[in-house]
């Protein structure tokens, strides 16, 4: 399942990230924020307009805003 498909409030574990789908700057930013395989993430909010961008995600004690295309590059496993 991709991170952009996980229901709000449901924790998931990152299985893999397709770094090739992300631009260099976005990949660097996500790595710096701690996005990596084995890390637990939880979608909290989605934008209200047509694209539902951005997606607010909890990672550790931080809340991070991701574009939907970035979240689609993150494969997760739910419990």
N, C-alpha and C. Protein backbone atom coordinates (compact mmCIF):
# COMPACT_ATOMS: atom_id res chain seq x y z
N UNK A 1 0.86 -1.17 0.00
CA UNK A 1 0.00 0.00 0.00
C UNK A 1 0.90 1.23 0.00
N UNK A 2 0.46 2.26 -0.70
CA UNK A 2 1.22 3.51 -0.73
C UNK A 2 0.76 4.42 0.42
N UNK A 3 1.66 5.27 0.87
CA UNK A 3 1.36 6.16 1.99
C UNK A 3 0.16 7.06 1.69
N UNK A 4 0.00 7.49 0.44
CA UNK A 4 -1.13 8.37 0.12
C UNK A 4 -2.48 7.66 0.17
N UNK A 5 -2.47 6.32 0.27
CA UNK A 5 -3.72 5.54 0.37
C UNK A 5 -4.08 5.12 1.80
N UNK A 6 -3.19 5.36 2.75
CA UNK A 6 -3.43 4.93 4.14
C UNK A 6 -4.51 5.84 4.75
N UNK A 7 -5.50 5.25 5.42
CA UNK A 7 -6.53 6.07 6.07
C UNK A 7 -5.93 6.97 7.14
N UNK A 8 -6.55 8.13 7.32
CA UNK A 8 -6.09 9.06 8.35
C UNK A 8 -6.12 8.39 9.72
N UNK A 9 -5.10 8.65 10.52
CA UNK A 9 -5.04 8.13 11.87
C UNK A 9 -4.54 6.71 12.00
N UNK A 10 -4.25 6.04 10.87
CA UNK A 10 -3.76 4.66 10.93
C UNK A 10 -2.24 4.65 10.76
N UNK A 11 -1.56 4.11 11.74
CA UNK A 11 -0.10 4.04 11.68
C UNK A 11 0.31 2.97 10.66
N UNK A 12 1.44 3.21 10.02
CA UNK A 12 1.98 2.27 9.04
C UNK A 12 3.50 2.32 9.13
N UNK A 13 4.12 1.25 8.68
CA UNK A 13 5.58 1.16 8.69
C UNK A 13 6.08 1.26 7.25
N UNK A 14 7.07 2.09 7.06
CA UNK A 14 7.63 2.25 5.71
C UNK A 14 8.35 0.97 5.32
N UNK A 15 7.93 0.38 4.19
CA UNK A 15 8.57 -0.82 3.67
C UNK A 15 9.72 -0.46 2.73
N UNK A 16 9.45 0.51 1.85
CA UNK A 16 10.50 0.99 0.95
C UNK A 16 10.09 2.33 0.37
N UNK A 17 11.07 3.06 -0.11
CA UNK A 17 10.83 4.34 -0.75
C UNK A 17 11.47 4.29 -2.14
N UNK A 18 10.70 4.63 -3.15
CA UNK A 18 11.22 4.69 -4.52
C UNK A 18 11.84 6.07 -4.72
N UNK A 19 13.11 6.18 -4.39
CA UNK A 19 13.81 7.46 -4.45
C UNK A 19 13.86 8.00 -5.86
N UNK A 20 13.76 7.13 -6.88
CA UNK A 20 13.83 7.58 -8.27
C UNK A 20 12.59 8.38 -8.67
N UNK A 21 11.47 8.22 -7.97
CA UNK A 21 10.25 8.98 -8.26
C UNK A 21 10.32 10.41 -7.71
N UNK A 22 11.24 10.64 -6.80
CA UNK A 22 11.36 11.95 -6.15
C UNK A 22 12.48 12.75 -6.80
N UNK A 23 12.34 14.03 -6.81
CA UNK A 23 13.44 14.88 -7.25
C UNK A 23 14.57 14.83 -6.22
N UNK A 24 15.73 15.26 -6.63
CA UNK A 24 16.89 15.21 -5.73
C UNK A 24 16.65 16.00 -4.45
N UNK A 25 16.08 17.19 -4.57
CA UNK A 25 15.83 18.02 -3.39
C UNK A 25 14.81 17.38 -2.46
N UNK A 26 13.74 16.82 -3.02
CA UNK A 26 12.71 16.17 -2.20
C UNK A 26 13.27 14.94 -1.50
N UNK A 27 14.08 14.16 -2.21
CA UNK A 27 14.68 12.97 -1.61
C UNK A 27 15.61 13.36 -0.45
N UNK A 28 16.39 14.40 -0.65
CA UNK A 28 17.30 14.87 0.40
C UNK A 28 16.51 15.33 1.62
N UNK A 29 15.41 16.06 1.37
CA UNK A 29 14.57 16.56 2.47
C UNK A 29 13.96 15.41 3.26
N UNK A 30 13.40 14.42 2.57
CA UNK A 30 12.78 13.29 3.26
C UNK A 30 13.80 12.48 4.06
N UNK A 31 14.98 12.28 3.49
CA UNK A 31 16.03 11.57 4.24
C UNK A 31 16.42 12.35 5.50
N UNK A 32 16.55 13.66 5.37
CA UNK A 32 16.93 14.50 6.51
C UNK A 32 15.86 14.47 7.61
N UNK A 33 14.60 14.30 7.21
CA UNK A 33 13.50 14.25 8.18
C UNK A 33 13.33 12.86 8.80
N UNK A 34 14.10 11.88 8.33
CA UNK A 34 14.05 10.56 8.94
C UNK A 34 13.23 9.53 8.19
N UNK A 35 12.77 9.83 6.99
CA UNK A 35 12.01 8.86 6.21
C UNK A 35 12.96 7.78 5.72
N UNK A 36 12.69 6.53 6.12
CA UNK A 36 13.51 5.39 5.73
C UNK A 36 12.73 4.12 6.04
N UNK A 37 13.15 3.02 5.48
CA UNK A 37 12.49 1.74 5.73
C UNK A 37 12.51 1.42 7.23
N UNK A 38 11.38 0.91 7.72
CA UNK A 38 11.27 0.53 9.13
C UNK A 38 10.72 1.60 10.03
N UNK A 39 10.58 2.82 9.53
CA UNK A 39 10.09 3.94 10.33
C UNK A 39 8.56 3.96 10.31
N UNK A 40 7.95 4.27 11.45
CA UNK A 40 6.50 4.36 11.55
C UNK A 40 6.03 5.76 11.19
N UNK A 41 4.99 5.82 10.34
CA UNK A 41 4.39 7.09 9.93
C UNK A 41 2.88 6.98 10.11
N UNK A 42 2.23 8.14 10.23
CA UNK A 42 0.78 8.17 10.41
C UNK A 42 0.20 9.40 9.70
N UNK A 43 -0.61 9.18 8.67
CA UNK A 43 -1.27 10.32 8.02
C UNK A 43 -2.26 10.98 8.98
N UNK A 44 -2.20 12.31 9.08
CA UNK A 44 -3.06 13.04 10.03
C UNK A 44 -4.14 13.87 9.35
N UNK A 45 -3.79 14.54 8.25
CA UNK A 45 -4.72 15.43 7.55
C UNK A 45 -4.43 15.40 6.06
N UNK A 46 -5.45 15.70 5.29
CA UNK A 46 -5.28 15.87 3.85
C UNK A 46 -5.88 17.21 3.46
N UNK A 47 -5.35 17.81 2.42
CA UNK A 47 -5.90 19.05 1.91
C UNK A 47 -7.35 18.85 1.48
N UNK A 48 -8.11 19.92 1.45
CA UNK A 48 -9.54 19.81 1.19
C UNK A 48 -9.92 20.04 -0.27
N UNK A 49 -9.01 20.51 -1.08
CA UNK A 49 -9.35 20.79 -2.47
C UNK A 49 -9.16 19.55 -3.33
N UNK A 50 -9.45 19.65 -4.61
CA UNK A 50 -9.47 18.52 -5.54
C UNK A 50 -8.33 17.53 -5.43
N UNK A 51 -7.10 18.00 -5.37
CA UNK A 51 -5.96 17.09 -5.34
C UNK A 51 -5.70 16.51 -3.95
N UNK A 52 -6.37 17.09 -2.94
CA UNK A 52 -6.19 16.69 -1.54
C UNK A 52 -4.73 16.82 -1.11
N UNK A 53 -4.05 17.82 -1.67
CA UNK A 53 -2.67 18.12 -1.34
C UNK A 53 -2.64 19.25 -0.34
N UNK A 54 -1.75 19.34 0.57
CA UNK A 54 -0.74 18.35 0.93
C UNK A 54 -1.31 17.35 1.93
N UNK A 55 -0.48 16.38 2.29
CA UNK A 55 -0.83 15.39 3.30
C UNK A 55 0.07 15.66 4.51
N UNK A 56 -0.52 15.82 5.68
CA UNK A 56 0.25 15.98 6.92
C UNK A 56 0.49 14.60 7.50
N UNK A 57 1.74 14.30 7.80
CA UNK A 57 2.13 12.97 8.29
C UNK A 57 2.91 13.12 9.58
N UNK A 58 2.62 12.27 10.55
CA UNK A 58 3.44 12.22 11.78
C UNK A 58 4.55 11.21 11.55
N UNK A 59 5.77 11.64 11.83
CA UNK A 59 6.92 10.75 11.81
C UNK A 59 7.71 11.06 13.08
N UNK A 60 7.78 10.10 13.95
CA UNK A 60 8.36 10.37 15.27
C UNK A 60 7.49 11.37 16.00
N UNK A 61 8.10 12.45 16.49
CA UNK A 61 7.34 13.49 17.18
C UNK A 61 7.06 14.69 16.28
N UNK A 62 7.42 14.58 15.01
CA UNK A 62 7.24 15.69 14.07
C UNK A 62 5.99 15.50 13.22
N UNK A 63 5.47 16.61 12.74
CA UNK A 63 4.43 16.59 11.71
C UNK A 63 5.05 17.21 10.46
N UNK A 64 4.94 16.48 9.35
CA UNK A 64 5.58 16.89 8.11
C UNK A 64 4.52 16.95 7.01
N UNK A 65 4.58 17.98 6.18
CA UNK A 65 3.67 18.08 5.04
C UNK A 65 4.36 17.50 3.81
N UNK A 66 3.66 16.59 3.14
CA UNK A 66 4.15 15.96 1.91
C UNK A 66 3.20 16.24 0.77
N UNK A 67 3.74 16.37 -0.41
CA UNK A 67 2.89 16.39 -1.59
C UNK A 67 2.38 14.97 -1.82
N UNK A 68 1.23 14.88 -2.44
CA UNK A 68 0.65 13.56 -2.70
C UNK A 68 1.59 12.71 -3.57
N UNK A 69 2.28 13.32 -4.52
CA UNK A 69 3.21 12.57 -5.37
C UNK A 69 4.38 12.02 -4.56
N UNK A 70 4.80 12.75 -3.54
CA UNK A 70 5.87 12.25 -2.67
C UNK A 70 5.38 11.07 -1.84
N UNK A 71 4.17 11.19 -1.29
CA UNK A 71 3.61 10.11 -0.49
C UNK A 71 3.38 8.86 -1.33
N UNK A 72 3.10 9.03 -2.62
CA UNK A 72 2.88 7.89 -3.51
C UNK A 72 4.16 7.10 -3.75
N UNK A 73 5.31 7.71 -3.53
CA UNK A 73 6.60 7.02 -3.72
C UNK A 73 6.99 6.19 -2.49
N UNK A 74 6.18 6.28 -1.42
CA UNK A 74 6.50 5.58 -0.18
C UNK A 74 5.57 4.39 0.00
N UNK A 75 6.14 3.20 -0.05
CA UNK A 75 5.40 1.96 0.13
C UNK A 75 5.38 1.63 1.62
N UNK A 76 4.19 1.34 2.16
CA UNK A 76 4.06 1.07 3.59
C UNK A 76 3.34 -0.25 3.84
N UNK A 77 3.48 -0.75 5.04
CA UNK A 77 2.73 -1.91 5.52
C UNK A 77 1.93 -1.49 6.72
N UNK A 78 0.66 -1.85 6.75
CA UNK A 78 -0.20 -1.52 7.89
C UNK A 78 -0.38 -2.75 8.74
N UNK A 79 -0.71 -2.52 10.00
CA UNK A 79 -0.89 -3.65 10.94
C UNK A 79 -2.22 -4.34 10.73
